[in-house]
C-alpha cells in the first residue's frame, strides 16, 4: 500500500496498520490453571527427589518457588524465559527436570489445548554449547528450538577461539533467543550481579527483560538427608 504524501495518518490508524502486519511469537505456557500446575509441579519434583532415594520435605521456601514457577508456566503475560539462580546444590537442576517431566506428562496424556500437539524439551549443559557451536548447522538448529532448557549457565568459558577468531557461543545463543522471543529456561549458580560481570551490561540488561528470575534462597541439600539431590 502506497500512501499519498499529503495523506494524514493518525496515531491510532498507524497502530492498527502496524499491528496488523506484526507477528508475535506466542509465549510457551502449560494448558493448566496455576493451581493445577502448582500441584503437578510439586508432584513431579517429589518423584525426582524420591527417585534418587532422598526424603522429600516441603518447606516455605520451596513452596514459594513452586508457586512462582507455576504462575510463570501458566500466565501468557509473563516473560518468555525463566532463570533459576542460587547457590550450589539447592534444587535448581532438579526443578528444571521437574518442569520437563511435567511437559512429558502433558505430551503423554494429550492434554495440550491443540489436539495432537507435543512439545520437545531438550536440555543442555552450558558447557556443551561451545562444542555444539563448532557445527554451524547444529548450532543454528539449537538456537531455533521452540523451547530450550539450559543448565549451569556461567560455568562455560565465555569465549571460544577457533582459527584465531574469538566467538561467544552462549552469548550468541541468548541474544538469538532474545531477538526472536523464544522461551528458554535456565539454571545458574551465579547471582544476577555476577551474571552481569561475566556477560557484560548489555546481556545482563537483556536477562532482566527476557527472564523471570526465581531465587533459590535455601542452602545446599547435598550435605543433608532431605529434599533435592542436585542443583
Protein backbone atom coordinates (compact mmCIF):
# COMPACT_ATOMS: atom_id res chain seq x y z
CA UNK A 1 0.00 0.00 0.00
CA UNK A 2 1.36 3.41 -1.01
CA UNK A 3 0.07 6.49 0.78
CA UNK A 4 -0.15 9.94 -0.84
CA UNK A 5 2.38 12.38 0.62
CA UNK A 6 -0.39 14.71 1.75
CA UNK A 7 -2.29 11.90 3.49
CA UNK A 8 -2.57 12.42 7.26
CA UNK A 9 -2.19 9.33 9.44
CA UNK A 10 -3.49 9.43 12.97
CA UNK A 11 -1.55 7.56 15.64
CA UNK A 12 -4.48 5.20 16.14
CA UNK A 13 -4.54 4.39 12.43
CA UNK A 14 -0.78 3.82 12.38
CA UNK A 15 -1.04 1.46 15.34
CA UNK A 16 -3.78 -0.50 13.63
CA UNK A 17 -1.80 -0.84 10.41
CA UNK A 18 1.45 -1.83 12.12
CA UNK A 19 -0.21 -4.30 14.49
CA UNK A 20 -1.96 -5.95 11.56
CA UNK A 21 1.38 -6.76 9.91
CA UNK A 22 3.29 -7.62 13.08
CA UNK A 23 3.90 -11.23 14.01
CA UNK A 24 4.32 -12.18 17.65
CA UNK A 25 5.80 -15.45 18.85
CA UNK A 26 3.25 -16.99 21.21
CA UNK A 27 4.72 -17.45 24.68
CA UNK A 28 5.02 -21.02 25.89
CA UNK A 29 2.65 -21.91 28.69
CA UNK A 30 1.08 -25.09 30.02
CA UNK A 31 -2.65 -25.82 29.48
CA UNK A 32 -3.47 -25.82 33.21
CA UNK A 33 -4.67 -23.38 35.81
CA UNK A 34 -1.95 -22.05 38.07
CA UNK A 35 -3.28 -24.17 40.94
CA UNK A 36 -3.22 -27.31 38.78
CA UNK A 37 0.32 -26.57 37.59
CA UNK A 38 1.43 -25.99 41.17
CA UNK A 39 0.14 -29.40 42.31
CA UNK A 40 1.59 -31.17 39.27
CA UNK A 41 4.97 -29.46 39.61
CA UNK A 42 5.20 -30.34 43.30
CA UNK A 43 4.39 -33.97 42.47
CA UNK A 44 6.95 -34.02 39.66
CA UNK A 45 9.64 -32.57 41.91
CA UNK A 46 8.78 -35.01 44.69
CA UNK A 47 9.05 -38.00 42.32
CA UNK A 48 12.50 -36.90 41.15
CA UNK A 49 13.74 -36.49 44.72
CA UNK A 50 12.40 -39.88 45.78
CA UNK A 51 13.85 -41.48 42.63
CA UNK A 52 17.29 -40.55 43.97
CA UNK A 53 16.48 -42.25 47.28
CA UNK A 54 16.17 -38.99 49.17
CA UNK A 55 13.43 -37.88 51.53
CA UNK A 56 11.19 -35.12 50.21
CA UNK A 57 10.37 -32.31 52.64
CA UNK A 58 8.24 -29.30 51.75
CA UNK A 59 9.19 -26.04 53.41
CA UNK A 60 8.02 -22.46 52.93
CA UNK A 61 10.93 -21.55 50.64
CA UNK A 62 10.29 -24.47 48.27
CA UNK A 63 6.55 -23.77 48.32
CA UNK A 64 7.14 -20.16 47.28
CA UNK A 65 9.42 -21.30 44.46
CA UNK A 66 6.89 -23.82 43.14
CA UNK A 67 4.09 -21.24 43.32
CA UNK A 68 6.19 -18.69 41.44
CA UNK A 69 7.19 -21.15 38.70
CA UNK A 70 3.63 -22.48 38.34
CA UNK A 71 2.44 -18.90 37.79
CA UNK A 72 5.13 -18.38 35.16
CA UNK A 73 4.23 -21.64 33.37
CA UNK A 74 0.55 -20.76 33.06
CA UNK A 75 0.47 -17.00 32.59
CA UNK A 76 0.92 -15.87 28.96
CA UNK A 77 1.74 -12.34 30.11
CA UNK A 78 4.92 -13.42 31.90
CA UNK A 79 8.36 -13.01 30.38
CA UNK A 80 9.37 -15.58 27.77
CA UNK A 81 12.26 -17.03 29.78
CA UNK A 82 12.88 -18.36 33.29
CA UNK A 83 16.07 -18.06 35.34
CA UNK A 84 16.60 -20.20 38.44
CA UNK A 85 19.52 -18.85 40.45
CA UNK A 86 21.03 -19.71 43.82
CA UNK A 87 23.94 -21.44 45.49
CA UNK A 88 25.26 -24.87 44.54
CA UNK A 89 23.14 -27.92 45.31
CA UNK A 90 19.87 -26.31 46.38
CA UNK A 91 17.48 -27.84 43.85
CA UNK A 92 17.70 -25.74 40.67
CA UNK A 93 18.63 -28.51 38.25
CA UNK A 94 16.11 -30.84 39.87
CA UNK A 95 13.46 -28.17 39.33
CA UNK A 96 14.38 -27.85 35.65
CA UNK A 97 13.98 -31.61 35.30
CA UNK A 98 10.66 -31.44 37.17
CA UNK A 99 9.36 -28.88 34.65
CA UNK A 100 10.49 -31.13 31.80
CA UNK A 101 8.74 -34.11 33.40
CA UNK A 102 5.57 -32.03 33.59
CA UNK A 103 5.87 -31.29 29.86
CA UNK A 104 6.35 -35.01 29.13
CA UNK A 105 3.29 -35.77 31.27
CA UNK A 106 1.27 -33.27 29.22
CA UNK A 107 2.54 -34.80 25.97
CA UNK A 108 1.87 -38.39 27.01
CA UNK A 109 -1.69 -37.68 28.15
CA UNK A 110 -2.72 -35.49 25.21
CA UNK A 111 -3.55 -32.55 27.45
CA UNK A 112 -2.47 -29.68 25.19
CA UNK A 113 -5.10 -27.19 24.04
CA UNK A 114 -4.20 -28.07 20.44
CA UNK A 115 -5.07 -31.72 19.61
CA UNK A 116 -2.11 -34.00 18.79
CA UNK A 117 0.37 -31.36 19.86
CA UNK A 118 3.61 -32.43 21.52
CA UNK A 119 6.34 -30.20 22.91
CA UNK A 120 10.00 -31.18 22.84
CA UNK A 121 12.00 -30.14 25.90
CA UNK A 122 15.72 -30.63 25.14
CA UNK A 123 18.15 -29.78 27.93
CA UNK A 124 21.83 -28.88 27.57
CA UNK A 125 24.61 -28.09 29.97
CA UNK A 126 26.00 -24.63 29.22
CA UNK A 127 29.45 -26.17 28.74
CA UNK A 128 28.09 -28.20 25.79
CA UNK A 129 27.17 -25.10 23.82
CA UNK A 130 30.75 -24.25 22.81
CA UNK A 131 31.22 -27.74 21.38
CA UNK A 132 27.91 -27.67 19.50
CA UNK A 133 28.71 -24.24 18.07
CA UNK A 134 31.60 -25.76 16.09
CA UNK A 135 28.96 -27.29 13.81
CA UNK A 136 27.20 -24.37 12.10
CA UNK A 137 24.03 -26.27 11.18
CA UNK A 138 23.69 -27.95 14.57
CA UNK A 139 24.17 -24.63 16.36
CA UNK A 140 21.65 -22.87 14.14
CA UNK A 141 19.13 -25.62 14.87
CA UNK A 142 19.84 -25.40 18.60
CA UNK A 143 19.32 -21.63 18.65
CA UNK A 144 15.98 -22.02 16.86
CA UNK A 145 14.45 -24.73 19.04
CA UNK A 146 10.88 -23.81 20.09
CA UNK A 147 11.74 -24.50 23.74
CA UNK A 148 15.17 -24.89 25.35
CA UNK A 149 16.48 -25.80 28.81
CA UNK A 150 19.99 -24.62 29.73
CA UNK A 151 21.68 -25.88 32.90
CA UNK A 152 24.65 -24.38 34.78
CA UNK A 153 24.84 -21.06 32.94
CA UNK A 154 28.14 -19.39 33.88
CA UNK A 155 30.30 -22.50 34.13
CA UNK A 156 31.19 -22.39 30.45
CA UNK A 157 34.11 -20.35 29.07
CA UNK A 158 32.76 -17.00 27.94
CA UNK A 159 34.82 -17.08 24.74
CA UNK A 160 35.94 -19.74 22.30
CA UNK A 161 38.90 -19.29 19.97
CA UNK A 162 38.91 -21.15 16.66
CA UNK A 163 41.42 -20.45 13.90
CA UNK A 164 42.25 -17.17 15.60
CA UNK A 165 38.64 -15.99 15.72
CA UNK A 166 37.01 -15.25 19.08
CA UNK A 167 33.39 -16.34 19.43
CA UNK A 168 30.96 -16.22 22.35
CA UNK A 169 28.53 -19.12 21.73
CA UNK A 170 26.37 -18.80 24.85
CA UNK A 171 26.02 -15.06 24.39
CA UNK A 172 25.10 -15.63 20.74
CA UNK A 173 22.53 -18.24 21.79
CA UNK A 174 20.95 -15.96 24.37
CA UNK A 175 20.89 -12.97 22.03
CA UNK A 176 19.23 -15.02 19.29
CA UNK A 177 16.51 -16.23 21.62
CA UNK A 178 16.04 -12.69 22.94
CA UNK A 179 15.65 -11.22 19.46
CA UNK A 180 13.17 -13.94 18.43
CA UNK A 181 11.38 -14.12 21.81
CA UNK A 182 11.97 -17.87 22.04
CA UNK A 183 11.42 -19.42 25.50
CA UNK A 184 14.47 -20.58 27.43
CA UNK A 185 14.59 -21.97 30.97
CA UNK A 186 17.96 -21.55 32.67
CA UNK A 187 19.68 -22.50 35.91
CA UNK A 188 22.81 -20.86 37.29
CA UNK A 189 24.88 -20.78 40.47
CA UNK A 190 25.71 -17.12 39.83
CA UNK A 191 23.87 -14.18 41.31
CA UNK A 192 22.33 -11.58 38.96
CA UNK A 193 25.26 -9.23 39.70
CA UNK A 194 27.79 -12.00 38.93
CA UNK A 195 25.99 -12.72 35.67
CA UNK A 196 26.30 -9.03 34.84
CA UNK A 197 30.06 -9.11 35.38
CA UNK A 198 30.52 -12.28 33.31
CA UNK A 199 28.31 -11.33 30.37
CA UNK A 200 28.63 -7.53 30.50
CA UNK A 201 25.90 -4.96 30.96
CA UNK A 202 24.24 -5.39 27.56
CA UNK A 203 23.46 -9.07 28.06
CA UNK A 204 22.66 -8.64 31.74
CA UNK A 205 20.11 -5.98 30.81
CA UNK A 206 18.50 -8.40 28.37
CA UNK A 207 18.37 -11.03 31.09
CA UNK A 208 16.19 -8.68 33.11
CA UNK A 209 13.88 -8.10 30.15
CA UNK A 210 13.53 -11.69 28.94
CA UNK A 211 13.88 -13.82 32.09
CA UNK A 212 11.54 -14.27 35.03
CA UNK A 213 14.00 -14.62 37.91
CA UNK A 214 13.36 -17.15 40.68
CA UNK A 215 15.88 -17.09 43.53
CA UNK A 216 16.59 -20.29 45.48
CA UNK A 217 17.50 -18.95 48.91
CA UNK A 218 17.81 -22.27 50.72
CA UNK A 219 21.16 -23.92 51.49
CA UNK A 220 22.60 -26.94 49.69
CA UNK A 221 20.70 -30.20 50.12
CA UNK A 222 23.72 -32.30 49.24
CA UNK A 223 25.03 -32.44 52.80
CA UNK A 224 21.60 -33.27 54.27
CA UNK A 225 19.17 -36.17 54.06
CA UNK A 226 16.21 -34.17 52.81
CA UNK A 227 14.78 -32.82 49.59
CA UNK A 228 16.70 -32.22 46.39
CA UNK A 229 19.78 -34.16 45.32
CA UNK A 230 21.19 -31.76 42.79
CA UNK A 231 21.43 -28.10 41.84
